[in-house]
Amino acid sequence: MSDVAFESLTPAEWFRRNKEIAGFSSPSRAMYQTVRELIENALDATENHGILPSIKASIRYVDKDKDLYSIYVEDNGIGIPEEEIPNVFGQIFYSSKYKIKQHRGIFGLGAKMVVLYAQSTSGMPVRVTSSMKGSQYIYTYEISIDTVKNKPVIHSHVRVENKYGWHGTAVKVVLEGNWQYAKSRIEEYFTRTAMITPYAEIILIEPNNEVLRFNRITTIMPKPPVEGLPHPSSIDLESLKQLISRNSDIPLIDFLKENFDGIGDETVREFMKTVGIRASKHVKRLSESELRLLAEKMRQFNGWRRPRADWLSPIGEKILANGILHVLKPEAVFVTTRKPSSYSGHPFIVEAAIAWGGSIMPVDKPILYRYANKVPLLQDEGSDVIRHVIDEVDWSQYKVKFPAPLAVVVHVCSTKIPYASAGKEAIADVPEIEKEVRLAVREVARKLKVYLARKEKEQELLTKYAILRLYTDEVSSALSFVSGVDENVIKGKLEELIKRKLGLDIRAGPPAITSEVGNVAVA
């Protein structure tokens, strides 16, 4: 008889025991991760539904001796249905994010990990208050998770009249943290978030009552993503079986057209020639070997259209430029949004920007701001494909001599970000993404090169102008003595001649040097 004991774990219990995987590895990291998860949920609940985000967050001391803090985040989003709140916060792998469209989160796990960490450290349930847009009631739950059953435990449930028409969600949680070590990281997270969401109003009240505020500077928002269909080249056998189980018993050709992205009549006819299965055969009558063949052929077929980008929500050049100007305060910004591409059937878009000069301090290598689905990536920079691309760039080709006041911003949005680890802090080296990042960075670098070349030329002209002006007083005085013409008249004519010969437009004072931000000229 074996002395080895076996046991099964629910997802909740597994993640409770392995909280490091989700980023809750220490009190300081858990504090940062909690803020990040709640802020990202708040932004998804607003901007994805066309609502200009107004987000309030606060971190308060609860018990300094035990390092317990309360973290509170409130948004003005669409709210959560009353009956769904317990499962949304109390059941692992229960989420609205298992759809094919761009989300900040990908696992629907973040809020539940916050609850698990809180009940493991403070023993206190999470408090969730919410109201749907147009609802007559505001409802509040206190919830924890039964990790053995992976089910929510409801400690209290209160419903009150919604007298003022409030809508949104407010979450309060008490947990063990370390503000001293988490402070700089959390503040940096808010700053980087504000840089790509200039349409959001975000306020953070810190434990010492200091306020970090980012005002809304534009009402222009990115177009929200729409829910999409799986691309045929990304399908596997198990996903194919699940799709078939959720459909009625229809002919294979109709099943393919109705359940996958970009399959029309002509495309599906070409594909069926490669499969060897009757197009009219009903999908629920396909054998196991036929299903394996179908999934394999779908991944191999080269005739599929590229995935549509409707389920993506890039920031956009104008919004990105505005955010960078507001936060980094550079001398010049150059931005680009690449056309959609795809990897393994997943659509993605790369956006890049270069900020130069102004308040940016000279550095020995470019300052890098990385984003994935509008989420700032603060950790594991050395493992990120974006960092690898930036380090490979020969910046001297673009007239950059280090130390230089140079910052690079790169945003990758996709229905499936290929993270390098479960911590979601670095993007893996996927060749298609690496190529697009490289092309995007080179594109904005070329714009910077043109700007710097023009700036060099303007500086040369300014130097020549200054030197020639040094002689105008002496020359005009001599000419006035010889000709009898007023010295000031001659001096004015000489200055006009210098300007004309140098090609300068000097209406008042020295010439202004301008730069371009997208298609907007900024002095």
Protein backbone atom coordinates (compact mmCIF):
# COMPACT_ATOMS: atom_id res chain seq x y z
CA MET A 1 0.00 0.00 0.00
CA SER A 2 1.45 3.37 -1.05
CA ASP A 3 2.19 5.99 1.60
CA VAL A 4 1.89 8.78 -0.97
CA ALA A 5 -1.13 11.01 -0.29
CA PHE A 6 -2.97 12.62 -3.19
CA GLU A 7 -5.25 15.61 -3.06
CA SER A 8 -7.08 17.90 -5.44
CA LEU A 9 -7.05 21.68 -5.26
CA THR A 10 -9.66 24.12 -6.45
CA PRO A 11 -8.39 27.06 -8.56
CA ALA A 12 -8.96 29.37 -5.59
CA GLU A 13 -6.86 27.26 -3.25
CA TRP A 14 -4.14 26.79 -5.86
CA PHE A 15 -3.79 30.55 -6.42
CA ARG A 16 -3.91 31.21 -2.68
CA ARG A 17 -0.92 28.90 -2.24
CA ASN A 18 0.87 30.30 -5.30
CA LYS A 19 0.05 34.00 -5.04
CA GLU A 20 3.55 34.94 -6.23
CA ILE A 21 2.59 33.89 -9.76
CA ALA A 22 0.00 36.67 -9.90
CA GLY A 23 2.39 39.28 -8.53
CA PHE A 24 1.54 39.10 -4.80
CA SER A 25 5.01 37.98 -3.73
CA SER A 26 5.65 40.51 -0.94
CA PRO A 27 3.72 43.18 0.99
CA SER A 28 5.09 46.00 -1.19
CA ARG A 29 4.56 44.13 -4.47
CA ALA A 30 1.06 43.05 -3.33
CA MET A 31 0.18 46.65 -2.53
CA TYR A 32 1.26 47.78 -5.99
CA GLN A 33 -0.49 44.84 -7.66
CA THR A 34 -3.74 45.57 -5.80
CA VAL A 35 -3.75 49.19 -6.92
CA ARG A 36 -2.91 48.17 -10.46
CA GLU A 37 -5.66 45.53 -10.71
CA LEU A 38 -8.35 47.83 -9.32
CA ILE A 39 -7.36 50.80 -11.49
CA GLU A 40 -7.30 48.66 -14.63
CA ASN A 41 -10.76 47.29 -13.88
CA ALA A 42 -11.98 50.86 -13.34
CA LEU A 43 -10.59 52.05 -16.68
CA ASP A 44 -12.09 49.08 -18.55
CA ALA A 45 -15.47 49.75 -16.92
CA THR A 46 -15.47 53.32 -18.22
CA GLU A 47 -13.61 53.86 -21.49
CA ASN A 48 -14.72 50.56 -23.07
CA HIS A 49 -18.28 51.84 -22.70
CA GLY A 50 -17.68 55.38 -23.95
CA ILE A 51 -17.56 56.98 -20.49
CA LEU A 52 -14.87 59.56 -19.72
CA PRO A 53 -13.11 58.01 -16.68
CA SER A 54 -13.17 59.76 -13.31
CA ILE A 55 -11.27 57.55 -10.88
CA LYS A 56 -10.66 58.20 -7.20
CA ALA A 57 -8.21 56.11 -5.22
CA SER A 58 -6.99 56.31 -1.66
CA ILE A 59 -4.55 54.40 0.52
CA ARG A 60 -4.99 54.72 4.28
CA TYR A 61 -3.30 53.36 7.37
CA VAL A 62 -5.48 50.89 9.29
CA ASP A 63 -2.90 49.52 11.75
CA LYS A 64 0.69 50.78 11.44
CA ASP A 65 2.02 48.20 13.89
CA LYS A 66 0.67 45.34 11.76
CA ASP A 67 1.33 47.14 8.42
CA LEU A 68 -2.35 46.97 7.51
CA TYR A 69 -3.69 49.41 4.90
CA SER A 70 -7.03 50.03 3.29
CA ILE A 71 -7.04 50.54 -0.47
CA TYR A 72 -10.10 52.15 -2.03
CA VAL A 73 -10.80 52.66 -5.75
CA GLU A 74 -13.98 54.18 -7.15
CA ASP A 75 -14.97 54.67 -10.78
CA ASN A 76 -17.88 56.16 -12.71
CA GLY A 77 -18.28 53.16 -15.03
CA ILE A 78 -21.28 51.11 -16.05
CA GLY A 79 -21.38 49.21 -12.76
CA ILE A 80 -21.80 45.49 -12.11
CA PRO A 81 -25.17 43.69 -12.06
CA GLU A 82 -26.19 43.12 -8.44
CA GLU A 83 -26.51 39.36 -8.76
CA GLU A 84 -23.09 39.06 -10.45
CA ILE A 85 -20.98 40.83 -7.79
CA PRO A 86 -20.45 37.77 -5.55
CA ASN A 87 -19.10 35.65 -8.41
CA VAL A 88 -17.10 38.49 -9.98
CA PHE A 89 -15.15 38.95 -6.73
CA GLY A 90 -15.55 35.53 -5.16
CA GLN A 91 -15.01 32.86 -7.81
CA ILE A 92 -11.73 32.22 -9.62
CA PHE A 93 -12.07 32.08 -13.42
CA TYR A 94 -15.40 33.91 -13.48
CA SER A 95 -15.12 37.05 -15.55
CA SER A 96 -16.43 39.19 -18.40
CA LYS A 97 -12.94 39.19 -19.97
CA TYR A 98 -13.06 35.80 -21.66
CA LYS A 99 -14.17 37.40 -24.93
CA ILE A 100 -12.19 37.97 -28.09
CA LYS A 101 -11.49 41.67 -27.79
CA GLN A 102 -8.87 43.90 -26.20
CA HIS A 103 -8.91 44.04 -22.38
CA ARG A 104 -6.40 45.37 -19.88
CA GLY A 105 -6.74 42.09 -17.98
CA ILE A 106 -6.55 38.70 -19.63
CA PHE A 107 -7.29 36.11 -16.97
CA GLY A 108 -10.15 37.79 -15.10
CA LEU A 109 -8.09 36.93 -12.04
CA GLY A 110 -6.87 40.24 -10.62
CA ALA A 111 -9.79 41.24 -8.37
CA LYS A 112 -10.04 37.71 -6.97
CA MET A 113 -6.32 37.66 -6.14
CA VAL A 114 -6.81 40.92 -4.27
CA VAL A 115 -9.58 39.27 -2.22
CA LEU A 116 -7.47 36.16 -1.59
CA TYR A 117 -4.44 38.16 -0.48
CA ALA A 118 -6.55 40.36 1.79
CA GLN A 119 -8.25 37.48 3.56
CA SER A 120 -4.89 35.72 3.92
CA THR A 121 -3.22 38.75 5.56
CA SER A 122 -5.89 40.87 7.28
CA GLY A 123 -8.64 38.26 7.43
CA MET A 124 -11.12 40.90 6.29
CA PRO A 125 -13.57 40.58 3.37
CA VAL A 126 -13.61 42.93 0.41
CA ARG A 127 -16.34 45.57 0.34
CA VAL A 128 -17.89 46.21 -3.08
CA THR A 129 -20.43 48.96 -3.79
CA SER A 130 -21.91 49.30 -7.25
CA SER A 131 -24.83 50.59 -9.28
CA MET A 132 -25.64 50.04 -12.93
CA LYS A 133 -26.23 53.04 -15.13
CA GLY A 134 -29.90 53.98 -14.69
CA SER A 135 -30.41 51.70 -11.67
CA GLN A 136 -32.72 52.80 -8.85
CA TYR A 137 -30.52 51.13 -6.24
CA ILE A 138 -26.98 51.12 -4.92
CA TYR A 139 -25.95 47.75 -3.53
CA THR A 140 -23.06 46.82 -1.24
CA TYR A 141 -21.59 43.39 -0.56
CA GLU A 142 -18.92 42.19 1.82
CA ILE A 143 -17.35 39.12 0.22
CA SER A 144 -14.60 36.59 0.80
CA ILE A 145 -13.72 33.39 -1.05
CA ASP A 146 -14.25 29.82 0.14
CA THR A 147 -11.02 28.45 -1.31
CA VAL A 148 -12.06 24.82 -0.76
CA LYS A 149 -15.17 25.20 -2.92
CA ASN A 150 -14.01 28.14 -5.07
CA LYS A 151 -17.25 29.91 -4.18
CA PRO A 152 -18.03 33.37 -2.77
CA VAL A 153 -18.90 33.81 0.89
CA ILE A 154 -21.33 36.70 1.36
CA HIS A 155 -20.87 38.34 4.77
CA SER A 156 -23.39 41.13 4.18
CA HIS A 157 -25.60 42.50 1.42
CA VAL A 158 -27.29 45.90 1.62
CA ARG A 159 -29.39 47.74 -0.95
CA VAL A 160 -30.23 51.46 -0.71
CA GLU A 161 -32.07 53.91 -2.93
CA ASN A 162 -29.94 55.61 -5.59
CA LYS A 163 -31.08 59.18 -4.91
CA TYR A 164 -28.49 60.98 -7.00
CA GLY A 165 -28.23 58.70 -10.04
CA TRP A 166 -24.70 57.52 -9.24
CA HIS A 167 -23.29 54.71 -11.35
CA GLY A 168 -20.00 52.88 -11.11
CA THR A 169 -18.14 50.58 -8.76
CA ALA A 170 -16.23 51.23 -5.53
CA VAL A 171 -13.97 48.59 -3.99
CA LYS A 172 -12.40 48.75 -0.54
CA VAL A 173 -9.98 46.14 0.72
CA VAL A 174 -7.78 45.87 3.83
CA LEU A 175 -4.48 44.05 3.46
CA GLU A 176 -0.89 43.82 4.60
CA GLY A 177 1.36 46.20 2.72
CA ASN A 178 4.54 48.23 2.79
CA TRP A 179 3.93 51.80 1.67
CA GLN A 180 7.56 52.85 2.14
CA TYR A 181 8.71 50.44 -0.59
CA ALA A 182 5.57 50.54 -2.74
CA LYS A 183 5.19 54.33 -2.86
CA SER A 184 7.53 55.13 -5.75
CA ARG A 185 6.27 52.24 -7.84
CA ILE A 186 2.61 53.14 -7.32
CA GLU A 187 3.24 56.81 -8.10
CA GLU A 188 5.13 55.83 -11.25
CA TYR A 189 2.23 53.56 -12.25
CA PHE A 190 -0.25 56.44 -11.91
CA THR A 191 2.03 58.79 -13.87
CA ARG A 192 2.49 56.33 -16.72
CA THR A 193 -1.22 55.52 -16.76
CA ALA A 194 -2.08 59.22 -17.00
CA MET A 195 0.33 59.58 -19.92
CA ILE A 196 -1.71 57.29 -22.16
CA THR A 197 -5.14 58.18 -20.74
CA PRO A 198 -5.14 62.01 -20.94
CA TYR A 199 -8.94 61.76 -21.24
CA ALA A 200 -9.14 60.42 -17.66
CA GLU A 201 -9.32 62.27 -14.37
CA ILE A 202 -7.33 60.30 -11.79
CA ILE A 203 -6.80 61.17 -8.13
CA LEU A 204 -4.73 59.29 -5.55
CA ILE A 205 -4.81 60.23 -1.86
CA GLU A 206 -1.76 58.79 -0.12
CA PRO A 207 -1.50 57.65 3.53
CA ASN A 208 0.17 60.95 4.53
CA ASN A 209 -2.72 62.86 2.85
CA GLU A 210 -0.58 63.97 -0.08
CA VAL A 211 -2.64 64.12 -3.26
CA LEU A 212 -1.45 62.96 -6.67
CA ARG A 213 -3.85 64.41 -9.24
CA PHE A 214 -3.97 64.07 -13.02
CA ASN A 215 -6.55 66.29 -14.64
CA ARG A 216 -8.36 65.46 -17.85
CA ILE A 217 -6.79 67.42 -20.72
CA THR A 218 -8.90 66.09 -23.60
CA THR A 219 -12.36 64.62 -24.12
CA ILE A 220 -11.23 62.61 -27.14
CA MET A 221 -11.19 58.89 -26.34
CA PRO A 222 -9.99 55.84 -28.28
CA LYS A 223 -12.70 53.93 -30.07
CA PRO A 224 -13.86 51.10 -27.76
CA PRO A 225 -13.11 47.56 -28.98
CA VAL A 226 -15.94 45.31 -30.10
CA GLU A 227 -16.30 41.61 -29.43
CA GLY A 228 -14.92 39.44 -32.21
CA LEU A 229 -14.72 35.90 -33.48
CA PRO A 230 -11.72 33.57 -33.29
CA HIS A 231 -9.42 33.58 -36.29
CA PRO A 232 -9.22 30.15 -37.98
CA SER A 233 -5.43 30.05 -37.88
CA SER A 234 -5.43 30.33 -34.06
CA ILE A 235 -7.76 27.37 -33.43
CA ASP A 236 -6.79 24.16 -31.62
CA LEU A 237 -8.63 20.86 -31.26
CA GLU A 238 -10.17 21.56 -27.84
CA SER A 239 -11.36 25.05 -28.85
CA LEU A 240 -12.90 23.57 -31.98
CA LYS A 241 -14.79 20.96 -29.93
CA GLN A 242 -16.12 23.63 -27.57
CA LEU A 243 -17.37 25.76 -30.45
CA ILE A 244 -19.14 22.78 -31.97
CA SER A 245 -20.76 21.88 -28.64
CA ARG A 246 -22.21 25.41 -28.37
CA ASN A 247 -23.65 25.33 -31.90
CA SER A 248 -26.59 23.55 -33.41
CA ASP A 249 -25.90 20.61 -35.72
CA ILE A 250 -25.30 22.58 -38.91
CA PRO A 251 -23.29 21.79 -42.05
CA LEU A 252 -19.53 22.26 -41.70
CA ILE A 253 -19.39 25.02 -44.32
CA ASP A 254 -22.00 27.08 -42.46
CA PHE A 255 -20.31 26.42 -39.12
CA LEU A 256 -17.01 27.83 -40.42
CA LYS A 257 -18.60 30.97 -41.89
CA GLU A 258 -20.65 31.75 -38.79
CA ASN A 259 -18.06 31.09 -36.07
CA PHE A 260 -14.76 32.40 -37.41
CA ASP A 261 -13.36 35.76 -38.39
CA GLY A 262 -13.00 36.62 -42.05
CA ILE A 263 -14.39 33.46 -43.69
CA GLY A 264 -16.60 34.20 -46.69
CA ASP A 265 -18.07 31.99 -49.39
CA GLU A 266 -15.05 32.04 -51.71
CA THR A 267 -12.51 31.55 -48.90
CA VAL A 268 -14.36 28.64 -47.34
CA ARG A 269 -14.70 26.89 -50.73
CA GLU A 270 -10.93 27.15 -51.29
CA PHE A 271 -10.27 25.86 -47.78
CA MET A 272 -12.60 22.87 -48.10
CA LYS A 273 -10.61 21.68 -51.10
CA THR A 274 -7.64 21.10 -48.77
CA VAL A 275 -9.53 19.20 -46.05
CA GLY A 276 -11.08 16.13 -47.63
CA ILE A 277 -14.31 16.36 -45.58
CA ARG A 278 -17.69 16.94 -47.18
CA ALA A 279 -18.72 20.57 -46.74
CA SER A 280 -22.31 19.48 -46.16
CA LYS A 281 -21.46 17.09 -43.30
CA HIS A 282 -22.96 18.21 -40.01
CA VAL A 283 -20.37 19.25 -37.45
CA LYS A 284 -21.69 17.10 -34.59
CA ARG A 285 -21.25 14.01 -36.74
CA LEU A 286 -17.54 14.60 -37.33
CA SER A 287 -15.33 11.82 -35.97
CA GLU A 288 -12.36 12.44 -33.66
CA SER A 289 -9.92 11.94 -36.53
CA GLU A 290 -11.88 14.34 -38.74
CA LEU A 291 -11.84 16.97 -35.99
CA ARG A 292 -8.08 16.63 -35.57
CA LEU A 293 -7.63 16.93 -39.34
CA LEU A 294 -9.91 19.97 -39.49
CA ALA A 295 -8.07 21.81 -36.71
CA GLU A 296 -4.69 21.01 -38.28
CA LYS A 297 -5.76 22.18 -41.75
CA MET A 298 -7.25 25.38 -40.34
CA ARG A 299 -3.90 26.30 -38.78
CA GLN A 300 -1.97 25.42 -41.94
CA PHE A 301 -4.16 27.11 -44.56
CA ASN A 302 -2.54 30.25 -45.98
CA GLY A 303 -5.62 31.67 -47.68
CA TRP A 304 -7.31 33.17 -44.63
CA ARG A 305 -7.79 36.90 -44.51
CA ARG A 306 -5.76 38.79 -41.94
CA PRO A 307 -7.54 39.14 -38.59
CA ARG A 308 -9.74 42.20 -38.31
CA ALA A 309 -8.69 44.97 -35.93
CA ASP A 310 -12.22 45.95 -34.83
CA TRP A 311 -11.65 44.22 -31.49
CA LEU A 312 -8.62 46.40 -30.81
CA SER A 313 -8.52 49.89 -29.29
CA PRO A 314 -5.23 51.67 -30.04
CA ILE A 315 -4.60 54.95 -28.27
CA GLY A 316 -4.27 57.00 -31.45
CA GLU A 317 -1.55 59.45 -32.44
CA LYS A 318 -3.25 62.64 -31.24
CA ILE A 319 -4.22 61.25 -27.81
CA LEU A 320 -0.79 59.70 -27.28
CA ALA A 321 0.97 62.94 -28.24
CA ASN A 322 -1.25 64.98 -25.90
CA GLY A 323 -0.57 62.63 -22.99
CA ILE A 324 3.20 62.67 -23.52
CA LEU A 325 3.28 66.46 -23.82
CA HIS A 326 1.26 66.83 -20.62
CA VAL A 327 3.27 64.40 -18.48
CA LEU A 328 6.84 64.47 -19.85
CA LYS A 329 6.76 68.10 -21.09
CA PRO A 330 9.28 67.52 -23.91
CA GLU A 331 10.46 69.95 -26.56
CA ALA A 332 9.17 67.73 -29.36
CA VAL A 333 7.12 64.54 -29.79
CA PHE A 334 6.88 62.25 -32.80
CA VAL A 335 4.24 59.51 -32.91
CA THR A 336 3.01 56.74 -35.16
CA THR A 337 0.29 54.10 -35.11
CA ARG A 338 1.16 51.13 -37.30
CA LYS A 339 -1.37 49.29 -39.42
CA PRO A 340 -2.82 46.10 -37.88
CA SER A 341 -0.79 42.92 -38.09
CA SER A 342 -1.21 39.46 -36.57
CA TYR A 343 0.60 36.56 -34.94
CA SER A 344 -0.87 33.04 -34.68
CA GLY A 345 -4.24 34.45 -35.72
CA HIS A 346 -4.28 37.16 -33.06
CA PRO A 347 -4.52 40.76 -34.36
CA PHE A 348 -2.25 43.41 -32.84
CA ILE A 349 -1.26 47.02 -33.38
CA VAL A 350 1.98 48.70 -32.36
CA GLU A 351 2.17 52.40 -31.51
CA ALA A 352 5.40 54.25 -30.85
CA ALA A 353 6.48 57.74 -29.87
CA ILE A 354 9.74 59.56 -29.29
CA ALA A 355 9.91 62.52 -26.92
CA TRP A 356 12.92 64.80 -27.12
CA GLY A 357 14.30 67.58 -24.94
CA GLY A 358 12.31 69.91 -22.72
CA SER A 359 11.95 68.50 -19.20
CA ILE A 360 13.55 65.18 -20.17
CA MET A 361 16.97 64.92 -18.57
CA PRO A 362 19.93 63.68 -20.67
CA VAL A 363 20.54 59.95 -20.20
CA ASP A 364 23.08 57.40 -21.43
CA LYS A 365 20.43 55.28 -23.14
CA PRO A 366 16.79 55.94 -24.08
CA ILE A 367 14.26 56.10 -21.26
CA LEU A 368 11.66 53.46 -22.16
CA TYR A 369 7.94 53.51 -21.38
CA ARG A 370 6.34 50.16 -22.21
CA TYR A 371 2.59 49.51 -22.47
CA ALA A 372 0.46 46.47 -23.27
CA ASN A 373 -3.26 47.05 -23.86
CA LYS A 374 -2.84 50.49 -22.24
CA VAL A 375 -1.30 48.96 -19.10
CA PRO A 376 2.11 50.34 -17.99
CA LEU A 377 4.76 47.64 -17.65
CA LEU A 378 7.10 48.62 -14.82
CA GLN A 379 8.94 45.38 -14.09
CA ASP A 380 11.09 42.87 -16.00
CA GLU A 381 12.18 45.43 -18.60
CA GLY A 382 15.26 43.39 -19.49
CA SER A 383 13.08 40.44 -20.54
CA ASP A 384 10.86 42.49 -22.84
CA VAL A 385 11.07 42.34 -26.63
CA ILE A 386 10.60 46.14 -26.74
CA ARG A 387 13.75 46.71 -24.68
CA HIS A 388 15.68 44.33 -26.93
CA VAL A 389 14.61 46.29 -30.02
CA ILE A 390 15.49 49.67 -28.46
CA ASP A 391 18.94 48.43 -27.45
CA GLU A 392 19.66 47.24 -31.00
CA VAL A 393 18.96 50.64 -32.56
CA ASP A 394 22.03 52.55 -33.73
CA TRP A 395 20.88 55.95 -32.53
CA SER A 396 23.84 57.72 -34.11
CA GLN A 397 22.16 57.11 -37.48
CA TYR A 398 19.39 59.40 -36.26
CA LYS A 399 21.73 62.19 -35.09
CA VAL A 400 21.37 61.22 -31.42
CA LYS A 401 24.54 61.54 -29.35
CA PHE A 402 24.37 60.25 -25.79
CA PRO A 403 23.89 61.45 -23.16
CA ALA A 404 20.71 62.74 -24.77
CA PRO A 405 17.25 63.88 -23.57
CA LEU A 406 15.45 60.97 -25.27
CA ALA A 407 12.41 58.95 -24.19
CA VAL A 408 10.73 56.20 -26.21
CA VAL A 409 7.11 55.12 -25.70
CA VAL A 410 5.85 51.83 -27.19
CA HIS A 411 2.32 50.47 -26.88
CA VAL A 412 1.25 47.02 -28.09
CA CYS A 413 -2.45 46.22 -28.13
CA SER A 414 -3.86 42.82 -29.02
CA THR A 415 -6.66 40.40 -28.26
CA LYS A 416 -3.91 38.25 -26.74
CA ILE A 417 -0.71 39.82 -25.48
CA PRO A 418 2.07 37.19 -25.45
CA TYR A 419 3.43 37.90 -21.99
CA ALA A 420 6.79 36.39 -21.10
CA SER A 421 5.50 35.31 -17.66
CA ALA A 422 2.35 35.13 -15.56
CA GLY A 423 3.34 38.41 -13.92
CA LYS A 424 2.30 40.25 -17.12
CA GLU A 425 5.23 42.67 -16.96
CA ALA A 426 7.13 41.79 -20.15
CA ILE A 427 6.16 40.94 -23.73
CA ALA A 428 7.69 37.79 -25.17
CA ASP A 429 9.96 37.69 -28.23
CA VAL A 430 7.30 36.95 -30.85
CA PRO A 431 8.90 37.58 -34.29
CA GLU A 432 5.86 39.35 -35.76
CA ILE A 433 5.61 41.74 -32.80
CA GLU A 434 9.37 42.32 -32.74
CA LYS A 435 9.27 43.27 -36.43
CA GLU A 436 6.41 45.76 -35.96
CA VAL A 437 8.03 47.33 -32.90
CA ARG A 438 11.27 47.77 -34.84
CA LEU A 439 9.46 49.36 -37.80
CA ALA A 440 7.48 51.68 -35.53
CA VAL A 441 10.56 52.84 -33.60
CA ARG A 442 12.51 53.41 -36.81
CA GLU A 443 9.63 55.44 -38.21
CA VAL A 444 9.53 57.89 -35.31
CA ALA A 445 13.33 57.91 -35.13
CA ARG A 446 13.44 59.11 -38.74
CA LYS A 447 11.07 61.93 -37.81
CA LEU A 448 13.39 62.83 -34.95
CA LYS A 449 16.37 62.81 -37.32
CA VAL A 450 14.66 65.27 -39.66
CA TYR A 451 13.83 67.51 -36.70
CA LEU A 452 17.36 67.41 -35.31
CA ALA A 453 18.86 68.07 -38.74
CA ARG A 454 16.58 71.06 -39.21
CA LYS A 455 17.40 72.24 -35.69
CA GLU A 456 21.14 72.00 -36.46
CA LYS A 457 20.65 74.05 -39.61
CA GLU A 458 18.59 76.65 -37.78
CA GLN A 459 21.23 76.84 -35.07
CA GLU A 460 23.93 77.39 -37.70
CA LEU A 461 21.88 80.17 -39.23
CA LEU A 462 21.31 81.74 -35.83
CA THR A 463 25.06 81.67 -35.19
CA LYS A 464 25.81 83.30 -38.57
CA TYR A 465 23.11 85.88 -37.96
CA ALA A 466 24.53 86.74 -34.56
CA ILE A 467 28.07 87.07 -35.93
CA LEU A 468 27.04 89.28 -38.87
CA ARG A 469 24.96 91.50 -36.60
CA LEU A 470 28.07 92.24 -34.57
CA TYR A 471 29.41 94.19 -37.56
CA THR A 472 26.25 96.12 -38.45
CA ASP A 473 26.89 98.96 -35.99
CA GLU A 474 30.42 99.59 -37.25
CA VAL A 475 29.53 99.20 -40.95
CA SER A 476 26.39 101.36 -40.72
CA SER A 477 28.34 104.07 -38.88
CA ALA A 478 31.06 104.11 -41.55
CA LEU A 479 28.56 104.16 -44.42
CA SER A 480 26.56 106.92 -42.77
CA PHE A 481 29.71 109.04 -42.44
CA VAL A 482 30.56 108.53 -46.14
CA SER A 483 27.05 108.87 -47.57
CA GLY A 484 25.38 111.22 -45.12
CA VAL A 485 22.41 108.84 -44.78
CA ASP A 486 20.95 108.33 -41.31
CA GLU A 487 22.85 105.57 -39.48
CA ASN A 488 19.67 103.82 -38.21
CA VAL A 489 18.24 103.62 -41.75
CA ILE A 490 21.43 101.97 -43.00
CA LYS A 491 21.49 99.61 -40.02
CA GLY A 492 17.91 98.51 -40.73
CA LYS A 493 18.70 97.87 -44.39
CA LEU A 494 21.79 95.84 -43.46
CA GLU A 495 19.78 93.66 -41.08
CA GLU A 496 17.14 93.03 -43.76
CA LEU A 497 19.91 92.07 -46.18
CA ILE A 498 21.40 89.60 -43.65
CA LYS A 499 17.99 88.02 -43.07
CA ARG A 500 17.29 87.70 -46.78
CA LYS A 501 20.65 86.17 -47.54
CA LEU A 502 20.33 83.65 -44.68
CA GLY A 503 16.72 82.86 -45.50
CA LEU A 504 15.49 83.83 -42.03
CA ASP A 505 12.02 85.09 -41.19
CA ILE A 506 12.65 87.40 -38.25
CA ARG A 507 9.65 89.61 -37.51
CA ALA A 508 10.56 90.38 -33.90
CA GLY A 509 13.67 89.16 -32.12
CA PRO A 510 15.56 85.94 -32.97
CA PRO A 511 13.87 83.25 -35.11
CA ALA A 512 11.62 80.71 -33.36
CA ILE A 513 12.49 77.05 -33.74
CA THR A 514 9.40 74.85 -34.10
CA SER A 515 8.83 71.12 -33.90
CA GLU A 516 6.08 68.80 -35.05
CA VAL A 517 3.80 66.68 -32.90
CA GLY A 518 2.01 64.37 -35.32
CA ASN A 519 0.44 66.88 -37.71
CA VAL A 520 0.38 69.70 -35.12
CA ALA A 521 3.09 72.35 -35.10
CA VAL A 522 4.22 73.26 -31.58
CA ALA A 523 6.59 76.11 -30.78
